Amino acid sequence: MGIVERMASVAVAALAVTSVVGTAAPASADGAWIDRDRVNAISGPRTALERETPVGTVQVRQGVDGEGTRYVWARVLNGTSRHEIVLEVDLDGDRVPDDRAAHYLASGGTGWTWGLAAQAGHAFRACVVSGTAGCEDEATRTAWW
């Protein structure tokens, strides 16, 4: 196999891997974020905000882990395929997103994002979007919480 064929094989393999992965790590994936498996393990989660949208029920969720840290994440119920559930985070109180986590719904249904340790001054909102857009469309997002 020549160098060009090997490079093409590597590119195809990389594309296949990225097509399967549906969750994007937050832009600032530091220690304050937990992955979807750890979010799913939080006992007694509650819905802080919820909004019915044309593409699913979008929620801001919260819960406390076994170490006493409160985390916040976004979840969609009955989501439309080929959409993303997005958690936008305001870190400084200006209600402009400073960070985000997203999860792609390849086949619709229920999905949730990574969770962020909530701190004083943080605000969160959730939305369902098509593509990589932010939460600009009021019809598909919650208010800030």
Foldseek 3Di string as FASTA:
>chain_A
DDPVVVVVVVVVVVVVVVVPAFWDQKPPNDPQWAFPVQVVVFPPKDFPDWDQAPFFIKTWIWGAHPVGFIKIKIKTAQGAAQKKKKKFKDQAQPPDGPMMIIGHRHHGGMDMTIIGGDDPRMKIKIFIGHDDDDPPDPRTMTDID
